[in-house]
C-alpha atoms as a PDB file:
ATOM      1  CA  UNK A   1      47.081  91.439 197.148  1.00  0.00           C
ATOM      2  CA  UNK A   2      49.330  88.707 197.185  1.00  0.00           C
ATOM      3  CA  UNK A   3      51.686  88.131 194.132  1.00  0.00           C
ATOM      4  CA  UNK A   4      52.414  84.278 192.707  1.00  0.00           C
ATOM      5  CA  UNK A   5      54.808  83.077 190.710  1.00  0.00           C
ATOM      6  CA  UNK A   6      53.472  80.265 188.622  1.00  0.00           C
ATOM      7  CA  UNK A   7      55.521  77.793 186.340  1.00  0.00           C
ATOM      8  CA  UNK A   8      53.650  77.201 183.247  1.00  0.00           C
ATOM      9  CA  UNK A   9      51.990  73.651 182.895  1.00  0.00           C
ATOM     10  CA  UNK A  10      53.090  70.964 180.411  1.00  0.00           C
ATOM     11  CA  UNK A  11      51.157  69.556 177.625  1.00  0.00           C
ATOM     12  CA  UNK A  12      50.612  66.399 180.337  1.00  0.00           C
ATOM     13  CA  UNK A  13      49.335  68.736 182.996  1.00  0.00           C
ATOM     14  CA  UNK A  14      46.707  70.573 180.669  1.00  0.00           C
ATOM     15  CA  UNK A  15      44.910  67.227 180.264  1.00  0.00           C
ATOM     16  CA  UNK A  16      44.781  67.191 184.112  1.00  0.00           C
ATOM     17  CA  UNK A  17      41.844  67.450 186.194  1.00  0.00           C
ATOM     18  CA  UNK A  18      42.210  68.341 190.059  1.00  0.00           C
ATOM     19  CA  UNK A  19      38.633  67.990 190.883  1.00  0.00           C
ATOM     20  CA  UNK A  20      38.594  64.549 189.776  1.00  0.00           C
ATOM     21  CA  UNK A  21      42.174  63.516 191.324  1.00  0.00           C
ATOM     22  CA  UNK A  22      41.241  65.293 194.546  1.00  0.00           C
ATOM     23  CA  UNK A  23      37.636  63.488 194.786  1.00  0.00           C
ATOM     24  CA  UNK A  24      39.470  60.229 193.802  1.00  0.00           C
ATOM     25  CA  UNK A  25      42.130  60.446 196.230  1.00  0.00           C
ATOM     26  CA  UNK A  26      39.464  61.417 199.185  1.00  0.00           C
ATOM     27  CA  UNK A  27      36.745  58.920 198.135  1.00  0.00           C
ATOM     28  CA  UNK A  28      39.868  55.945 198.840  1.00  0.00           C
ATOM     29  CA  UNK A  29      40.027  56.776 202.432  1.00  0.00           C
ATOM     30  CA  UNK A  30      43.724  55.939 202.389  1.00  0.00           C
ATOM     31  CA  UNK A  31      44.993  58.943 202.687  1.00  0.00           C
ATOM     32  CA  UNK A  32      48.740  59.883 201.736  1.00  0.00           C
ATOM     33  CA  UNK A  33      49.877  56.527 204.053  1.00  0.00           C
ATOM     34  CA  UNK A  34      48.113  54.868 201.403  1.00  0.00           C
ATOM     35  CA  UNK A  35      49.874  55.791 198.173  1.00  0.00           C
ATOM     36  CA  UNK A  36      53.014  55.163 200.223  1.00  0.00           C
ATOM     37  CA  UNK A  37      51.603  51.459 200.602  1.00  0.00           C
ATOM     38  CA  UNK A  38      51.017  51.184 197.024  1.00  0.00           C
ATOM     39  CA  UNK A  39      55.162  51.618 196.123  1.00  0.00           C
ATOM     40  CA  UNK A  40      54.478  55.271 194.413  1.00  0.00           C
ATOM     41  CA  UNK A  41      57.677  56.029 193.252  1.00  0.00           C
ATOM     42  CA  UNK A  42      56.621  59.812 191.639  1.00  0.00           C
ATOM     43  CA  UNK A  43      54.441  62.271 193.435  1.00  0.00           C
ATOM     44  CA  UNK A  44      50.850  62.469 192.204  1.00  0.00           C
ATOM     45  CA  UNK A  45      50.021  65.751 190.241  1.00  0.00           C
ATOM     46  CA  UNK A  46      47.577  67.048 193.026  1.00  0.00           C
ATOM     47  CA  UNK A  47      50.466  67.207 195.409  1.00  0.00           C
ATOM     48  CA  UNK A  48      52.811  68.888 192.990  1.00  0.00           C
ATOM     49  CA  UNK A  49      53.282  72.461 194.559  1.00  0.00           C
ATOM     50  CA  UNK A  50      54.161  74.863 191.419  1.00  0.00           C
ATOM     51  CA  UNK A  51      53.024  77.667 193.480  1.00  0.00           C
ATOM     52  CA  UNK A  52      55.683  79.943 194.864  1.00  0.00           C
ATOM     53  CA  UNK A  53      54.825  82.177 197.935  1.00  0.00           C
ATOM     54  CA  UNK A  54      56.570  85.749 197.801  1.00  0.00           C
ATOM     55  CA  UNK A  55      57.820  84.624 201.277  1.00  0.00           C
ATOM     56  CA  UNK A  56      59.822  81.685 199.687  1.00  0.00           C
ATOM     57  CA  UNK A  57      62.236  84.355 198.717  1.00  0.00           C
ATOM     58  CA  UNK A  58      62.769  85.169 201.963  1.00  0.00           C
ATOM     59  CA  UNK A  59      66.202  84.229 203.891  1.00  0.00           C
ATOM     60  CA  UNK A  60      66.043  81.319 205.990  1.00  0.00           C
ATOM     61  CA  UNK A  61      68.886  80.743 208.750  1.00  0.00           C
ATOM     62  CA  UNK A  62      70.901  77.781 208.858  1.00  0.00           C
ATOM     63  CA  UNK A  63      73.393  78.610 210.985  1.00  0.00           C
ATOM     64  CA  UNK A  64      73.276  76.087 214.047  1.00  0.00           C
ATOM     65  CA  UNK A  65      74.286  78.629 216.513  1.00  0.00           C
ATOM     66  CA  UNK A  66      72.171  81.677 215.382  1.00  0.00           C
ATOM     67  CA  UNK A  67      69.587  78.989 215.389  1.00  0.00           C
ATOM     68  CA  UNK A  68      69.872  78.071 218.933  1.00  0.00           C
ATOM     69  CA  UNK A  69      70.148  81.338 219.827  1.00  0.00           C
ATOM     70  CA  UNK A  70      66.968  82.629 218.127  1.00  0.00           C
ATOM     71  CA  UNK A  71      63.853  80.796 219.600  1.00  0.00           C
ATOM     72  CA  UNK A  72      63.730  80.979 222.878  1.00  0.00           C
ATOM     73  CA  UNK A  73      64.154  78.236 225.727  1.00  0.00           C
ATOM     74  CA  UNK A  74      62.127  78.777 229.185  1.00  0.00           C
ATOM     75  CA  UNK A  75      62.385  76.607 231.723  1.00  0.00           C
ATOM     76  CA  UNK A  76      59.625  76.314 233.903  1.00  0.00           C
ATOM     77  CA  UNK A  77      60.917  75.193 236.892  1.00  0.00           C
ATOM     78  CA  UNK A  78      59.729  76.642 240.495  1.00  0.00           C
ATOM     79  CA  UNK A  79      56.506  78.275 238.364  1.00  0.00           C
ATOM     80  CA  UNK A  80      54.408  77.417 240.798  1.00  0.00           C
ATOM     81  CA  UNK A  81      55.877  77.563 244.376  1.00  0.00           C
ATOM     82  CA  UNK A  82      58.548  79.809 243.993  1.00  0.00           C
ATOM     83  CA  UNK A  83      57.406  84.083 243.429  1.00  0.00           C
ATOM     84  CA  UNK A  84      60.897  85.215 242.150  1.00  0.00           C
ATOM     85  CA  UNK A  85      61.361  82.404 239.810  1.00  0.00           C
ATOM     86  CA  UNK A  86      57.543  82.882 238.629  1.00  0.00           C
ATOM     87  CA  UNK A  87      58.166  86.751 238.232  1.00  0.00           C
ATOM     88  CA  UNK A  88      61.343  86.183 236.238  1.00  0.00           C
ATOM     89  CA  UNK A  89      59.351  83.857 233.749  1.00  0.00           C
ATOM     90  CA  UNK A  90      56.764  86.109 233.430  1.00  0.00           C
ATOM     91  CA  UNK A  91      59.295  88.389 232.303  1.00  0.00           C
ATOM     92  CA  UNK A  92      60.743  85.800 229.496  1.00  0.00           C
ATOM     93  CA  UNK A  93      57.753  84.947 228.397  1.00  0.00           C
ATOM     94  CA  UNK A  94      56.619  88.366 228.003  1.00  0.00           C
ATOM     95  CA  UNK A  95      59.575  89.068 225.825  1.00  0.00           C
ATOM     96  CA  UNK A  96      59.286  86.537 223.807  1.00  0.00           C
ATOM     97  CA  UNK A  97      55.987  86.959 223.044  1.00  0.00           C
ATOM     98  CA  UNK A  98      57.028  90.276 222.060  1.00  0.00           C
ATOM     99  CA  UNK A  99      59.510  89.525 220.052  1.00  0.00           C
ATOM    100  CA  UNK A 100      58.834  85.922 218.501  1.00  0.00           C
ATOM    101  CA  UNK A 101      55.077  85.074 219.558  1.00  0.00           C
ATOM    102  CA  UNK A 102      57.286  81.708 219.936  1.00  0.00           C
ATOM    103  CA  UNK A 103      59.278  80.092 222.775  1.00  0.00           C
ATOM    104  CA  UNK A 104      59.722  76.492 224.185  1.00  0.00           C
ATOM    105  CA  UNK A 105      58.993  75.380 227.664  1.00  0.00           C
ATOM    106  CA  UNK A 106      61.094  72.561 229.446  1.00  0.00           C
ATOM    107  CA  UNK A 107      60.625  71.195 232.899  1.00  0.00           C
ATOM    108  CA  UNK A 108      56.550  71.988 232.353  1.00  0.00           C
ATOM    109  CA  UNK A 109      55.881  69.000 234.068  1.00  0.00           C
ATOM    110  CA  UNK A 110      54.542  66.650 231.299  1.00  0.00           C
ATOM    111  CA  UNK A 111      56.943  63.400 232.056  1.00  0.00           C
ATOM    112  CA  UNK A 112      59.413  62.349 229.268  1.00  0.00           C
ATOM    113  CA  UNK A 113      57.944  58.947 228.864  1.00  0.00           C
ATOM    114  CA  UNK A 114      54.412  60.270 228.180  1.00  0.00           C
ATOM    115  CA  UNK A 115      55.970  62.593 225.036  1.00  0.00           C
ATOM    116  CA  UNK A 116      57.394  59.553 223.596  1.00  0.00           C
ATOM    117  CA  UNK A 117      54.429  57.441 224.215  1.00  0.00           C
ATOM    118  CA  UNK A 118      51.857  59.980 222.287  1.00  0.00           C
ATOM    119  CA  UNK A 119      54.678  60.233 219.449  1.00  0.00           C
ATOM    120  CA  UNK A 120      54.716  56.346 219.131  1.00  0.00           C
ATOM    121  CA  UNK A 121      50.892  56.044 219.780  1.00  0.00           C
ATOM    122  CA  UNK A 122      50.072  58.468 217.344  1.00  0.00           C
ATOM    123  CA  UNK A 123      52.006  56.827 214.762  1.00  0.00           C
ATOM    124  CA  UNK A 124      50.836  53.642 215.538  1.00  0.00           C
ATOM    125  CA  UNK A 125      47.967  54.735 214.212  1.00  0.00           C
ATOM    126  CA  UNK A 126      49.000  55.571 210.892  1.00  0.00           C
ATOM    127  CA  UNK A 127      50.720  52.027 211.244  1.00  0.00           C
ATOM    128  CA  UNK A 128      47.409  50.234 210.752  1.00  0.00           C
ATOM    129  CA  UNK A 129      45.914  48.300 208.130  1.00  0.00           C
ATOM    130  CA  UNK A 130      44.362  50.030 205.442  1.00  0.00           C
ATOM    131  CA  UNK A 131      40.871  48.737 206.021  1.00  0.00           C
ATOM    132  CA  UNK A 132      41.178  49.589 209.559  1.00  0.00           C
ATOM    133  CA  UNK A 133      42.235  53.142 209.247  1.00  0.00           C
ATOM    134  CA  UNK A 134      39.316  53.629 206.512  1.00  0.00           C
ATOM    135  CA  UNK A 135      36.815  52.915 208.746  1.00  0.00           C
ATOM    136  CA  UNK A 136      37.469  56.214 210.452  1.00  0.00           C
ATOM    137  CA  UNK A 137      38.276  58.450 207.718  1.00  0.00           C
ATOM    138  CA  UNK A 138      35.711  61.159 207.464  1.00  0.00           C
ATOM    139  CA  UNK A 139      35.039  64.819 206.448  1.00  0.00           C
ATOM    140  CA  UNK A 140      32.283  64.949 208.857  1.00  0.00           C
ATOM    141  CA  UNK A 141      31.992  67.213 211.793  1.00  0.00           C
ATOM    142  CA  UNK A 142      33.293  64.588 214.717  1.00  0.00           C
ATOM    143  CA  UNK A 143      34.844  64.658 217.421  1.00  0.00           C
ATOM    144  CA  UNK A 144      37.517  61.882 216.490  1.00  0.00           C
ATOM    145  CA  UNK A 145      38.493  62.305 212.924  1.00  0.00           C
ATOM    146  CA  UNK A 146      41.206  61.272 210.942  1.00  0.00           C
ATOM    147  CA  UNK A 147      41.747  62.362 206.846  1.00  0.00           C
ATOM    148  CA  UNK A 148      44.303  64.053 204.618  1.00  0.00           C
ATOM    149  CA  UNK A 149      44.064  67.770 204.533  1.00  0.00           C
ATOM    150  CA  UNK A 150      41.089  69.524 206.289  1.00  0.00           C
ATOM    151  CA  UNK A 151      41.039  71.972 203.355  1.00  0.00           C
ATOM    152  CA  UNK A 152      41.482  69.722 200.767  1.00  0.00           C
ATOM    153  CA  UNK A 153      39.005  70.287 198.087  1.00  0.00           C
ATOM    154  CA  UNK A 154      39.959  74.260 198.536  1.00  0.00           C
ATOM    155  CA  UNK A 155      43.573  74.543 198.595  1.00  0.00           C
ATOM    156  CA  UNK A 156      45.751  75.126 195.420  1.00  0.00           C
ATOM    157  CA  UNK A 157      48.006  72.027 196.253  1.00  0.00           C
ATOM    158  CA  UNK A 158      47.429  68.913 198.290  1.00  0.00           C
ATOM    159  CA  UNK A 159      49.869  68.615 201.546  1.00  0.00           C
ATOM    160  CA  UNK A 160      51.890  65.061 201.645  1.00  0.00           C
ATOM    161  CA  UNK A 161      50.702  64.945 205.287  1.00  0.00           C
ATOM    162  CA  UNK A 162      47.462  62.678 207.037  1.00  0.00           C
ATOM    163  CA  UNK A 163      46.161  63.692 210.334  1.00  0.00           C
ATOM    164  CA  UNK A 164      43.959  63.020 213.374  1.00  0.00           C
ATOM    165  CA  UNK A 165      42.108  65.359 215.606  1.00  0.00           C
ATOM    166  CA  UNK A 166      40.634  64.446 218.693  1.00  0.00           C
ATOM    167  CA  UNK A 167      38.244  67.060 220.146  1.00  0.00           C
ATOM    168  CA  UNK A 168      39.181  67.560 223.792  1.00  0.00           C
ATOM    169  CA  UNK A 169      37.017  70.357 225.448  1.00  0.00           C
ATOM    170  CA  UNK A 170      34.415  71.478 226.119  1.00  0.00           C
ATOM    171  CA  UNK A 171      32.692  68.401 225.127  1.00  0.00           C
ATOM    172  CA  UNK A 172      35.121  65.647 224.793  1.00  0.00           C
ATOM    173  CA  UNK A 173      34.907  62.468 222.354  1.00  0.00           C
ATOM    174  CA  UNK A 174      33.407  59.659 223.647  1.00  0.00           C
ATOM    175  CA  UNK A 175      36.389  56.997 224.708  1.00  0.00           C
ATOM    176  CA  UNK A 176      35.348  54.259 222.563  1.00  0.00           C
ATOM    177  CA  UNK A 177      35.470  56.769 219.581  1.00  0.00           C
ATOM    178  CA  UNK A 178      38.887  56.887 219.703  1.00  0.00           C
ATOM    179  CA  UNK A 179      41.012  53.976 218.253  1.00  0.00           C
ATOM    180  CA  UNK A 180      42.172  51.529 220.757  1.00  0.00           C
ATOM    181  CA  UNK A 181      45.886  51.886 219.832  1.00  0.00           C
ATOM    182  CA  UNK A 182      45.963  55.259 220.613  1.00  0.00           C
ATOM    183  CA  UNK A 183      43.186  55.581 222.774  1.00  0.00           C
ATOM    184  CA  UNK A 184      44.682  55.840 226.656  1.00  0.00           C
ATOM    185  CA  UNK A 185      47.752  58.155 225.940  1.00  0.00           C
ATOM    186  CA  UNK A 186      45.325  60.511 224.142  1.00  0.00           C
ATOM    187  CA  UNK A 187      43.103  60.960 227.496  1.00  0.00           C
ATOM    188  CA  UNK A 188      45.922  61.082 229.564  1.00  0.00           C
ATOM    189  CA  UNK A 189      47.961  63.286 227.407  1.00  0.00           C
ATOM    190  CA  UNK A 190      45.378  65.938 226.761  1.00  0.00           C
ATOM    191  CA  UNK A 191      44.728  66.040 230.811  1.00  0.00           C
ATOM    192  CA  UNK A 192      48.375  67.125 231.144  1.00  0.00           C
ATOM    193  CA  UNK A 193      48.205  69.514 228.195  1.00  0.00           C
ATOM    194  CA  UNK A 194      45.145  71.139 229.813  1.00  0.00           C
ATOM    195  CA  UNK A 195      46.945  72.119 232.921  1.00  0.00           C
ATOM    196  CA  UNK A 196      49.899  73.416 230.963  1.00  0.00           C
ATOM    197  CA  UNK A 197      47.673  75.544 228.862  1.00  0.00           C
ATOM    198  CA  UNK A 198      45.880  76.602 232.318  1.00  0.00           C
ATOM    199  CA  UNK A 199      49.150  77.583 233.339  1.00  0.00           C
ATOM    200  CA  UNK A 200      50.356  79.529 230.233  1.00  0.00           C
ATOM    201  CA  UNK A 201      47.578  81.081 230.380  1.00  0.00           C
ATOM    202  CA  UNK A 202      47.771  82.939 234.040  1.00  0.00           C
ATOM    203  CA  UNK A 203      51.574  83.560 232.946  1.00  0.00           C
ATOM    204  CA  UNK A 204      50.190  85.501 229.773  1.00  0.00           C
ATOM    205  CA  UNK A 205      47.761  87.471 231.775  1.00  0.00           C
ATOM    206  CA  UNK A 206      50.681  88.188 234.428  1.00  0.00           C
ATOM    207  CA  UNK A 207      52.658  89.221 231.497  1.00  0.00           C
ATOM    208  CA  UNK A 208      49.950  91.321 230.413  1.00  0.00           C
ATOM    209  CA  UNK A 209      49.891  92.902 234.350  1.00  0.00           C
ATOM    210  CA  UNK A 210      46.597  91.603 234.721  1.00  0.00           C
ATOM    211  CA  UNK A 211      44.988  88.965 237.162  1.00  0.00           C
ATOM    212  CA  UNK A 212      46.237  85.628 236.715  1.00  0.00           C
ATOM    213  CA  UNK A 213      43.053  84.008 236.070  1.00  0.00           C
ATOM    214  CA  UNK A 214      42.123  87.195 233.215  1.00  0.00           C
ATOM    215  CA  UNK A 215      42.830  85.023 229.727  1.00  0.00           C
ATOM    216  CA  UNK A 216      40.721  81.545 231.854  1.00  0.00           C
ATOM    217  CA  UNK A 217      38.009  83.811 232.675  1.00  0.00           C
ATOM    218  CA  UNK A 218      37.710  85.127 228.871  1.00  0.00           C
ATOM    219  CA  UNK A 219      36.995  81.360 228.296  1.00  0.00           C
ATOM    220  CA  UNK A 220      40.476  81.610 226.148  1.00  0.00           C
ATOM    221  CA  UNK A 221      40.932  77.463 227.123  1.00  0.00           C
ATOM    222  CA  UNK A 222      37.227  76.636 226.680  1.00  0.00           C
ATOM    223  CA  UNK A 223      38.111  74.720 223.636  1.00  0.00           C
ATOM    224  CA  UNK A 224      40.759  72.152 222.696  1.00  0.00           C
ATOM    225  CA  UNK A 225      41.827  70.211 220.177  1.00  0.00           C
ATOM    226  CA  UNK A 226      44.208  67.703 219.959  1.00  0.00           C
ATOM    227  CA  UNK A 227      45.811  67.046 216.569  1.00  0.00           C
ATOM    228  CA  UNK A 228      48.090  64.198 214.935  1.00  0.00           C
ATOM    229  CA  UNK A 229      50.257  64.819 211.844  1.00  0.00           C
ATOM    230  CA  UNK A 230      51.906  62.337 209.885  1.00  0.00           C
ATOM    231  CA  UNK A 231      54.362  63.132 207.617  1.00  0.00           C
ATOM    232  CA  UNK A 232      55.358  60.011 205.803  1.00  0.00           C
ATOM    233  CA  UNK A 233      58.808  59.361 203.509  1.00  0.00           C
ATOM    234  CA  UNK A 234      57.904  61.414 200.450  1.00  0.00           C
ATOM    235  CA  UNK A 235      59.298  60.083 196.766  1.00  0.00           C
ATOM    236  CA  UNK A 236      59.972  63.632 195.583  1.00  0.00           C
ATOM    237  CA  UNK A 237      60.092  65.996 198.371  1.00  0.00           C
ATOM    238  CA  UNK A 238      61.388  68.544 196.430  1.00  0.00           C
ATOM    239  CA  UNK A 239      58.085  68.856 194.570  1.00  0.00           C
ATOM    240  CA  UNK A 240      55.800  68.661 197.874  1.00  0.00           C
ATOM    241  CA  UNK A 241      54.931  70.806 200.890  1.00  0.00           C
ATOM    242  CA  UNK A 242      54.249  69.180 204.110  1.00  0.00           C
ATOM    243  CA  UNK A 243      52.237  72.403 205.291  1.00  0.00           C
ATOM    244  CA  UNK A 244      51.549  75.857 204.050  1.00  0.00           C
ATOM    245  CA  UNK A 245      52.981  78.860 205.143  1.00  0.00           C
ATOM    246  CA  UNK A 246      49.916  79.605 207.535  1.00  0.00           C
ATOM    247  CA  UNK A 247      48.707  81.345 211.185  1.00  0.00           C
ATOM    248  CA  UNK A 248      47.021  79.707 213.667  1.00  0.00           C
ATOM    249  CA  UNK A 249      43.851  81.195 214.204  1.00  0.00           C
ATOM    250  CA  UNK A 250      43.695  80.441 218.022  1.00  0.00           C
ATOM    251  CA  UNK A 251      44.500  81.510 221.300  1.00  0.00           C
ATOM    252  CA  UNK A 252      47.797  79.179 222.139  1.00  0.00           C
ATOM    253  CA  UNK A 253      48.974  76.449 220.511  1.00  0.00           C
ATOM    254  CA  UNK A 254      51.362  73.745 222.346  1.00  0.00           C
ATOM    255  CA  UNK A 255      53.253  71.546 220.103  1.00  0.00           C
ATOM    256  CA  UNK A 256      55.519  68.074 220.548  1.00  0.00           C
ATOM    257  CA  UNK A 257      58.185  68.335 217.967  1.00  0.00           C
ATOM    258  CA  UNK A 258      59.756  64.900 216.968  1.00  0.00           C
ATOM    259  CA  UNK A 259      63.912  64.293 216.465  1.00  0.00           C
ATOM    260  CA  UNK A 260      62.777  65.077 212.188  1.00  0.00           C
ATOM    261  CA  UNK A 261      62.128  69.090 213.442  1.00  0.00           C
ATOM    262  CA  UNK A 262      61.057  70.791 210.148  1.00  0.00           C
ATOM    263  CA  UNK A 263      59.106  73.458 212.093  1.00  0.00           C
ATOM    264  CA  UNK A 264      60.390  76.936 211.226  1.00  0.00           C
ATOM    265  CA  UNK A 265      59.062  80.694 212.290  1.00  0.00           C
ATOM    266  CA  UNK A 266      59.063  83.591 210.716  1.00  0.00           C
ATOM    267  CA  UNK A 267      61.133  86.373 212.363  1.00  0.00           C
ATOM    268  CA  UNK A 268      62.588  89.714 210.852  1.00  0.00           C
ATOM    269  CA  UNK A 269      61.895  88.664 207.525  1.00  0.00           C
ATOM    270  CA  UNK A 270      63.569  85.484 208.014  1.00  0.00           C
ATOM    271  CA  UNK A 271      62.606  81.806 208.611  1.00  0.00           C
ATOM    272  CA  UNK A 272      64.358  80.272 211.821  1.00  0.00           C
ATOM    273  CA  UNK A 273      64.251  76.945 212.570  1.00  0.00           C
ATOM    274  CA  UNK A 274      62.609  75.688 215.649  1.00  0.00           C
ATOM    275  CA  UNK A 275      65.368  73.018 217.074  1.00  0.00           C
ATOM    276  CA  UNK A 276      64.315  70.170 218.262  1.00  0.00           C
ATOM    277  CA  UNK A 277      64.870  69.962 221.982  1.00  0.00           C
ATOM    278  CA  UNK A 278      64.302  66.283 223.569  1.00  0.00           C
ATOM    279  CA  UNK A 279      61.572  66.804 226.099  1.00  0.00           C
ATOM    280  CA  UNK A 280      60.775  70.538 225.394  1.00  0.00           C
ATOM    281  CA  UNK A 281      57.174  71.881 223.850  1.00  0.00           C
ATOM    282  CA  UNK A 282      56.553  74.670 221.358  1.00  0.00           C
ATOM    283  CA  UNK A 283      54.394  77.180 222.387  1.00  0.00           C
ATOM    284  CA  UNK A 284      52.890  79.332 219.762  1.00  0.00           C
ATOM    285  CA  UNK A 285      50.523  82.084 220.733  1.00  0.00           C
ATOM    286  CA  UNK A 286      48.077  82.535 218.325  1.00  0.00           C
ATOM    287  CA  UNK A 287      46.480  85.389 216.204  1.00  0.00           C
ATOM    288  CA  UNK A 288      43.096  85.694 218.796  1.00  0.00           C
ATOM    289  CA  UNK A 289      45.696  85.947 221.555  1.00  0.00           C
ATOM    290  CA  UNK A 290      47.749  88.542 219.912  1.00  0.00           C
ATOM    291  CA  UNK A 291      44.792  90.064 218.366  1.00  0.00           C
ATOM    292  CA  UNK A 292      43.279  90.746 222.359  1.00  0.00           C
ATOM    293  CA  UNK A 293      46.760  90.914 223.602  1.00  0.00           C
ATOM    294  CA  UNK A 294      48.529  94.194 225.284  1.00  0.00           C
ATOM    295  CA  UNK A 295      51.797  92.482 224.906  1.00  0.00           C
ATOM    296  CA  UNK A 296      51.696  92.005 220.946  1.00  0.00           C
END
């Protein structure tokens, strides 16, 4: 059972009907970006977080030296052609997986200009004019989706976030269904991430003392979705949530941060900031992998 602490409602909030407000927001098909474009200066009630989760009371590690010494950064140089170095990398991944469940990788084979381009092109989509964006806004199960909050109608508070999602595998989205402004970059980047994902599955398999293809043969990498999250400036950030505390219900997440940062991971009852490292990708071994893993 999870306990929550709820702040009493004000008289104005007692008149507030969340279902009606959420429905109106969703049917506008403009997302959080649309609110920002109207020049909103106060946070709409559906975005105001009134619930405080017990985890919020845990310590946040803010000391820069402690942060830098925390989340492991693993250099993948030599992983494909140097057996000795590959063995060292497997050991580093074993330690990081067992201790954190998170780590960053550098020299992973995806060029810096491609990392810069995918960030830029995803942002370009959200900067399209409202009428163009609305054409892609949907809650239907399509292979390219733009909307705000996957669980908009179920959650207690609306996150200050818009998202695009593209199905990459096993049956990818039709390229013509992906907006032209980000189409080529999404397709190119996803190919490279698939390669890196397969390498990570090999290394994780070896870390478990199993054949390299063990996780791949389990079809761990059979499905892939590419998400692009957009967190625009918020008029009252102290009242809002970009994304709730959560676990990733998958085998593996490969995440590209921007220089704004903000990602935190829970370790030993402390929230630890994942520092932005130019060129690095954050690897999160998800719930499905940890549930099936001999090294969790």
